[in-house]
Amino acid sequence: MPFEKSGERPSPKRALLAIVAVIAAWANPAAAQQTIDEPTLDPIFGKRPPPPVREVGPMNDEEYDQPQPWDPFRGFVGVLTILVPETTNLSVGVGPQYTPDYFGSDDYEFQPDPQVYVRFRNFLFFDDDGADLALFGFSGFAIGPSLRIAGRRRERDNPALVGLGDIGFTFEAGGFIATTFLDRISLRAKLRKGVAGGHEGWIADGQGTILLFTTKRFSASFSGNITWVDDNYADTFFSVTPGQAAASGLPVFDADAGFRDVGGSFNGYINIGKRWSVNPYVRYRRIFQDIADTPIIDQFGSRDQFVAGFHLMREFTFDM
């Protein structure tokens, strides 16, 4: 130190400042190294700012009894949520997918598959499974409304559907409950009802996603899911009425409520540049026997459903 070389005695003020600096460095070595550490690297889109420092939790009973703010969490919408960076506000992409031409079909075709993913302040989440609003949270859970536009089925999609009539797009509304833990596992359940359009039934979905691994260039996850439908939904998509039987040549069939399908999917994210990535995926579903007994599937389709494709994604982040 300078005063050791010159033989000067340090002033009380300088000595006090030196002692405070030593104590601060001992108490928080991470902060002392902050200026020389490498920038935080996002596993998908490269560099991003370090996360904000959280305040120290309550230190006594009086503080603990005070109302505590809810700390929103990530990962309860879908597969993308557990892979895309927390700072993402908007990701858009498009790519081809190889998929059955209707649910239960054994005829496959290539289709364009646009993808939009939105995260707004850990409150609004939107992807290809709809929009979820995290209105309430407690003990690591989130609860709120869930909305979705479900796909349609048309007679012209496949000769097996001729005479059954078209089923239009459906606006579904309901709710969800979800949680994420260990920063790697996401669980969610959704219950929604068709309120306008193609069907008026109830549909319930359950899904679990685990982040398998993540590096600077590549991330991968696996998801398992199961779906249940009520009588109204089953009648709309899988029953064959006497009028439909006369028009299509299929036998009359009355579908009942029950589990529709169970399956899993593998999703990857490959960082190919600043804010650009490729998202390959494969999915498999196994239709439950009670649903697969419909002649729409039994005579012309398959219980095994596969989907494969990829998206070319571009991320956008906005200051709000």
Protein backbone atom coordinates (compact mmCIF):
# COMPACT_ATOMS: atom_id res chain seq x y z
CA MET A 1 0.00 0.00 0.00
CA PRO A 2 1.21 3.59 -0.62
CA PHE A 3 1.60 4.52 3.03
CA GLU A 4 3.82 1.45 3.62
CA LYS A 5 6.31 2.69 1.03
CA SER A 6 6.35 6.28 2.20
CA GLY A 7 6.30 5.52 5.90
CA GLU A 8 3.15 7.61 6.34
CA ARG A 9 0.48 6.53 8.80
CA PRO A 10 -2.95 6.07 7.21
CA SER A 11 -5.66 8.52 8.18
CA PRO A 12 -8.60 7.06 10.16
CA LYS A 13 -10.92 7.74 7.21
CA ARG A 14 -8.73 5.85 4.71
CA ALA A 15 -8.26 2.96 7.10
CA LEU A 16 -12.02 2.68 7.66
CA LEU A 17 -12.69 2.63 3.90
CA ALA A 18 -10.09 -0.11 3.40
CA ILE A 19 -11.66 -2.26 6.13
CA VAL A 20 -15.16 -1.83 4.61
CA ALA A 21 -13.84 -2.85 1.14
CA VAL A 22 -12.21 -6.01 2.53
CA ILE A 23 -15.38 -7.01 4.39
CA ALA A 24 -17.54 -6.41 1.28
CA ALA A 25 -15.28 -8.54 -0.90
CA TRP A 26 -15.28 -11.34 1.69
CA ALA A 27 -19.09 -11.25 2.09
CA ASN A 28 -19.88 -11.16 -1.63
CA PRO A 29 -17.04 -12.58 -3.75
CA ALA A 30 -19.38 -12.89 -6.78
CA ALA A 31 -19.88 -9.13 -6.83
CA ALA A 32 -16.13 -8.58 -6.58
CA GLN A 33 -15.62 -10.69 -9.69
CA GLN A 34 -18.51 -9.17 -11.64
CA THR A 35 -16.32 -6.86 -13.68
CA ILE A 36 -14.00 -9.60 -14.88
CA ASP A 37 -16.45 -12.50 -15.36
CA GLU A 38 -17.58 -13.47 -18.85
CA PRO A 39 -21.01 -12.11 -19.89
CA THR A 40 -23.96 -14.36 -19.17
CA LEU A 41 -24.55 -16.67 -22.13
CA ASP A 42 -28.05 -17.66 -23.11
CA PRO A 43 -28.15 -21.35 -24.16
CA ILE A 44 -30.17 -20.54 -27.27
CA PHE A 45 -29.75 -16.98 -28.48
CA GLY A 46 -26.28 -16.07 -27.21
CA LYS A 47 -25.46 -13.20 -24.86
CA ARG A 48 -28.03 -11.61 -22.62
CA PRO A 49 -27.86 -9.32 -19.56
CA PRO A 50 -27.35 -10.97 -16.16
CA PRO A 51 -30.60 -11.60 -14.23
CA PRO A 52 -31.61 -9.02 -11.60
CA VAL A 53 -30.32 -9.63 -8.08
CA ARG A 54 -33.08 -10.82 -5.79
CA GLU A 55 -33.57 -9.20 -2.42
CA VAL A 56 -32.65 -11.13 0.72
CA GLY A 57 -35.67 -12.91 2.19
CA PRO A 58 -37.30 -12.15 5.54
CA MET A 59 -34.97 -12.33 8.50
CA ASN A 60 -37.47 -12.38 11.39
CA ASP A 61 -41.03 -13.40 12.20
CA GLU A 62 -42.41 -9.87 11.92
CA GLU A 63 -41.06 -9.44 8.40
CA TYR A 64 -42.15 -12.95 7.44
CA ASP A 65 -45.75 -12.20 8.45
CA GLN A 66 -45.93 -9.24 6.07
CA PRO A 67 -47.59 -9.83 2.65
CA GLN A 68 -45.02 -11.17 0.20
CA PRO A 69 -45.16 -10.38 -3.55
CA TRP A 70 -45.75 -13.29 -5.89
CA ASP A 71 -42.65 -14.16 -7.87
CA PRO A 72 -43.95 -15.37 -11.27
CA PHE A 73 -42.22 -18.37 -12.76
CA ARG A 74 -41.54 -19.69 -16.21
CA GLY A 75 -42.44 -22.88 -17.99
CA PHE A 76 -46.16 -23.50 -17.65
CA VAL A 77 -47.49 -22.95 -21.15
CA GLY A 78 -45.85 -25.50 -23.36
CA VAL A 79 -42.66 -26.97 -24.67
CA LEU A 80 -41.39 -23.64 -26.02
CA THR A 81 -41.62 -22.01 -22.61
CA ILE A 82 -39.01 -24.25 -21.08
CA LEU A 83 -36.61 -23.74 -24.02
CA VAL A 84 -36.99 -20.09 -25.04
CA PRO A 85 -35.06 -17.49 -22.96
CA GLU A 86 -36.91 -15.78 -20.13
CA THR A 87 -36.35 -12.37 -21.75
CA THR A 88 -38.23 -13.32 -24.92
CA ASN A 89 -41.26 -11.18 -25.73
CA LEU A 90 -41.96 -12.55 -29.20
CA SER A 91 -40.70 -15.41 -31.33
CA VAL A 92 -42.06 -16.15 -34.81
CA GLY A 93 -41.24 -18.95 -37.17
CA VAL A 94 -42.44 -21.15 -39.97
CA GLY A 95 -41.53 -24.51 -41.38
CA PRO A 96 -42.92 -27.69 -42.91
CA GLN A 97 -44.48 -30.55 -40.99
CA TYR A 98 -45.39 -34.07 -42.06
CA THR A 99 -48.71 -34.91 -40.40
CA PRO A 100 -51.93 -36.93 -40.81
CA ASP A 101 -54.49 -35.09 -42.94
CA TYR A 102 -57.04 -35.46 -40.10
CA PHE A 103 -56.91 -36.79 -36.55
CA GLY A 104 -56.91 -40.59 -36.79
CA SER A 105 -55.94 -40.76 -40.47
CA ASP A 106 -53.26 -43.04 -41.89
CA ASP A 107 -52.72 -40.69 -44.86
CA TYR A 108 -49.93 -38.14 -44.37
CA GLU A 109 -49.11 -34.88 -46.10
CA PHE A 110 -46.73 -31.94 -45.84
CA GLN A 111 -48.27 -28.74 -44.48
CA PRO A 112 -46.90 -25.31 -43.57
CA ASP A 113 -46.66 -24.92 -39.80
CA PRO A 114 -46.42 -21.28 -38.66
CA GLN A 115 -45.38 -20.69 -35.04
CA VAL A 116 -45.91 -17.63 -32.83
CA TYR A 117 -44.74 -17.51 -29.23
CA VAL A 118 -45.38 -14.52 -26.93
CA ARG A 119 -44.32 -13.89 -23.34
CA PHE A 120 -45.46 -10.65 -21.67
CA ARG A 121 -44.13 -9.89 -18.17
CA ASN A 122 -44.62 -13.50 -17.01
CA PHE A 123 -48.35 -12.79 -17.18
CA LEU A 124 -49.48 -13.55 -20.74
CA PHE A 125 -48.20 -16.62 -22.58
CA PHE A 126 -49.25 -17.48 -26.13
CA ASP A 127 -48.22 -20.35 -28.40
CA ASP A 128 -49.82 -22.88 -30.74
CA ASP A 129 -51.82 -24.29 -27.80
CA GLY A 130 -53.55 -20.96 -27.16
CA ALA A 131 -53.22 -18.11 -24.68
CA ASP A 132 -52.84 -18.44 -20.90
CA LEU A 133 -53.12 -15.56 -18.41
CA ALA A 134 -51.42 -16.12 -15.05
CA LEU A 135 -53.86 -14.21 -12.84
CA PHE A 136 -53.24 -16.00 -9.52
CA GLY A 137 -50.21 -17.67 -7.99
CA PHE A 138 -49.41 -19.36 -4.68
CA SER A 139 -46.88 -21.88 -3.36
CA GLY A 140 -45.20 -22.28 -6.73
CA PHE A 141 -48.40 -22.68 -8.74
CA ALA A 142 -50.15 -20.46 -11.27
CA ILE A 143 -53.85 -20.43 -12.13
CA GLY A 144 -55.78 -18.46 -14.70
CA PRO A 145 -57.95 -18.46 -17.81
CA SER A 146 -56.96 -20.32 -20.97
CA LEU A 147 -58.20 -19.61 -24.50
CA ARG A 148 -57.64 -21.40 -27.81
CA ILE A 149 -58.80 -21.56 -31.43
CA ALA A 150 -59.04 -25.29 -32.22
CA GLY A 151 -58.54 -26.58 -35.76
CA ARG A 152 -61.18 -27.62 -38.24
CA ARG A 153 -61.94 -30.82 -40.20
CA ARG A 154 -63.29 -30.72 -43.74
CA GLU A 155 -64.73 -33.41 -45.99
CA ARG A 156 -62.23 -32.54 -48.69
CA ASP A 157 -59.32 -33.34 -46.35
CA ASN A 158 -59.71 -37.07 -47.08
CA PRO A 159 -62.11 -39.30 -49.08
CA ALA A 160 -62.91 -41.14 -45.83
CA LEU A 161 -64.65 -37.98 -44.56
CA VAL A 162 -67.03 -37.53 -47.50
CA GLY A 163 -70.61 -37.44 -46.27
CA LEU A 164 -69.70 -36.60 -42.66
CA GLY A 165 -69.94 -32.83 -43.05
CA ASP A 166 -67.42 -30.12 -42.17
CA ILE A 167 -66.40 -29.18 -38.61
CA GLY A 168 -65.31 -25.56 -38.39
CA PHE A 169 -62.79 -23.78 -36.21
CA THR A 170 -63.80 -23.69 -32.53
CA PHE A 171 -63.21 -20.97 -29.95
CA GLU A 172 -62.47 -22.76 -26.66
CA ALA A 173 -62.40 -21.09 -23.23
CA GLY A 174 -61.51 -22.47 -19.83
CA GLY A 175 -58.68 -22.44 -17.34
CA PHE A 176 -55.28 -23.88 -16.47
CA ILE A 177 -53.16 -24.75 -13.46
CA ALA A 178 -49.42 -25.24 -13.77
CA THR A 179 -46.06 -25.23 -12.06
CA THR A 180 -42.35 -25.39 -12.83
CA PHE A 181 -39.66 -26.69 -10.49
CA LEU A 182 -35.93 -27.38 -10.54
CA ASP A 183 -35.80 -25.06 -13.60
CA ARG A 184 -36.11 -28.22 -15.70
CA ILE A 185 -39.59 -29.69 -15.19
CA SER A 186 -42.91 -28.15 -16.19
CA LEU A 187 -46.35 -29.56 -15.36
CA ARG A 188 -49.67 -28.20 -16.57
CA ALA A 189 -53.36 -29.12 -16.86
CA LYS A 190 -56.00 -27.34 -18.94
CA LEU A 191 -59.77 -27.70 -19.11
CA ARG A 192 -61.57 -25.87 -21.93
CA LYS A 193 -65.04 -25.86 -23.50
CA GLY A 194 -66.06 -25.10 -27.06
CA VAL A 195 -68.16 -21.94 -26.85
CA ALA A 196 -68.46 -21.02 -30.53
CA GLY A 197 -67.85 -22.77 -33.83
CA GLY A 198 -67.27 -26.43 -34.57
CA HIS A 199 -67.99 -28.19 -31.25
CA GLU A 200 -69.57 -27.48 -27.85
CA GLY A 201 -67.77 -30.13 -25.84
CA TRP A 202 -65.23 -30.16 -23.01
CA ILE A 203 -61.60 -31.15 -23.58
CA ALA A 204 -58.97 -31.64 -20.87
CA ASP A 205 -55.21 -31.81 -21.48
CA GLY A 206 -52.38 -32.79 -19.15
CA GLN A 207 -48.71 -32.35 -20.02
CA GLY A 208 -45.33 -32.73 -18.39
CA THR A 209 -42.10 -31.41 -19.93
CA ILE A 210 -38.52 -32.01 -18.84
CA LEU A 211 -35.50 -30.10 -20.13
CA LEU A 212 -33.06 -32.87 -21.03
CA PHE A 213 -29.96 -30.73 -21.49
CA THR A 214 -28.90 -27.31 -22.69
CA THR A 215 -25.68 -25.87 -24.06
CA LYS A 216 -24.71 -22.64 -25.78
CA ARG A 217 -25.80 -24.00 -29.17
CA PHE A 218 -28.37 -26.70 -28.46
CA SER A 219 -31.25 -27.41 -26.08
CA ALA A 220 -33.60 -30.38 -25.99
CA SER A 221 -36.72 -31.37 -24.10
CA PHE A 222 -39.17 -34.27 -23.87
CA SER A 223 -42.90 -33.98 -23.19
CA GLY A 224 -45.62 -36.47 -22.34
CA ASN A 225 -49.31 -35.65 -22.70
CA ILE A 226 -52.79 -37.14 -22.33
CA THR A 227 -56.19 -35.84 -23.50
CA TRP A 228 -59.76 -36.51 -22.30
CA VAL A 229 -62.97 -35.46 -24.10
CA ASP A 230 -66.66 -35.45 -23.12
CA ASP A 231 -69.70 -36.85 -24.98
CA ASN A 232 -70.37 -33.68 -26.97
CA TYR A 233 -66.81 -33.51 -28.27
CA ALA A 234 -66.75 -37.24 -29.02
CA ASP A 235 -70.07 -37.04 -30.89
CA THR A 236 -68.87 -34.13 -33.03
CA PHE A 237 -65.64 -35.76 -34.20
CA PHE A 238 -66.14 -39.53 -33.90
CA SER A 239 -69.86 -40.45 -33.95
CA VAL A 240 -71.63 -41.37 -37.20
CA THR A 241 -75.30 -40.42 -37.23
CA PRO A 242 -77.89 -42.25 -39.38
CA GLY A 243 -77.87 -39.31 -41.82
CA GLN A 244 -74.08 -39.37 -42.05
CA ALA A 245 -74.13 -43.14 -42.46
CA ALA A 246 -76.50 -42.86 -45.42
CA ALA A 247 -74.31 -40.18 -47.05
CA SER A 248 -70.93 -41.81 -46.38
CA GLY A 249 -71.61 -45.55 -46.41
CA LEU A 250 -70.13 -45.91 -42.92
CA PRO A 251 -71.99 -47.79 -40.17
CA VAL A 252 -73.79 -45.83 -37.44
CA PHE A 253 -71.56 -45.27 -34.39
CA ASP A 254 -72.13 -43.53 -31.07
CA ALA A 255 -68.88 -42.32 -29.49
CA ASP A 256 -68.67 -41.89 -25.71
CA ALA A 257 -66.69 -39.65 -23.39
CA GLY A 258 -63.26 -40.87 -22.41
CA PHE A 259 -59.53 -40.51 -22.91
CA ARG A 260 -58.80 -39.63 -26.51
CA ASP A 261 -55.05 -40.18 -26.83
CA VAL A 262 -51.73 -40.39 -24.99
CA GLY A 263 -48.31 -39.64 -26.38
CA GLY A 264 -45.03 -37.80 -26.24
CA SER A 265 -42.80 -35.45 -28.19
CA PHE A 266 -39.15 -34.52 -28.54
CA ASN A 267 -38.22 -30.89 -29.21
CA GLY A 268 -34.84 -29.36 -29.95
CA TYR A 269 -33.52 -25.82 -30.34
CA ILE A 270 -30.39 -25.16 -32.35
CA ASN A 271 -28.88 -21.68 -32.22
CA ILE A 272 -27.75 -20.75 -35.74
CA GLY A 273 -27.06 -17.05 -35.23
CA LYS A 274 -27.95 -13.97 -33.25
CA ARG A 275 -31.66 -14.36 -32.39
CA TRP A 276 -32.10 -17.09 -35.02
CA SER A 277 -32.70 -20.76 -34.27
CA VAL A 278 -34.05 -23.98 -35.75
CA ASN A 279 -36.65 -25.98 -33.81
CA PRO A 280 -36.89 -29.65 -34.96
CA TYR A 281 -39.58 -31.80 -33.36
CA VAL A 282 -41.20 -35.23 -33.55
CA ARG A 283 -44.49 -36.25 -31.88
CA TYR A 284 -46.34 -39.51 -31.38
CA ARG A 285 -49.91 -40.17 -30.21
CA ARG A 286 -51.68 -43.43 -29.48
CA ILE A 287 -55.48 -43.20 -29.77
CA PHE A 288 -57.41 -45.04 -27.05
CA GLN A 289 -59.47 -48.01 -28.24
CA ASP A 290 -62.90 -46.59 -27.37
CA ILE A 291 -62.24 -43.64 -29.68
CA ALA A 292 -60.41 -45.70 -32.30
CA ASP A 293 -63.47 -47.98 -32.66
CA THR A 294 -65.21 -45.28 -34.70
CA PRO A 295 -65.37 -46.42 -38.35
CA ILE A 296 -63.77 -43.09 -39.30
CA ILE A 297 -60.55 -44.44 -37.75
CA ASP A 298 -61.14 -48.20 -37.63
CA GLN A 299 -61.87 -48.58 -41.36
CA PHE A 300 -59.80 -45.81 -42.88
CA GLY A 301 -57.29 -44.66 -40.29
CA SER A 302 -54.82 -45.72 -37.62
CA ARG A 303 -54.49 -45.52 -33.84
CA ASP A 304 -50.85 -44.50 -34.25
CA GLN A 305 -50.33 -40.84 -35.15
CA PHE A 306 -46.94 -39.34 -36.01
CA VAL A 307 -45.91 -35.74 -36.71
CA ALA A 308 -42.43 -34.48 -37.67
CA GLY A 309 -41.18 -31.08 -38.74
CA PHE A 310 -39.14 -28.03 -37.85
CA HIS A 311 -39.47 -24.24 -37.46
CA LEU A 312 -37.05 -21.54 -38.45
CA MET A 313 -37.44 -19.10 -35.52
CA ARG A 314 -36.61 -15.41 -35.05
CA GLU A 315 -36.67 -13.85 -31.57
CA PHE A 316 -37.69 -10.25 -30.81
CA THR A 317 -37.27 -8.57 -27.44
CA PHE A 318 -38.96 -5.30 -26.50
CA ASP A 319 -38.34 -2.98 -23.55
CA MET A 320 -41.59 -2.53 -21.64
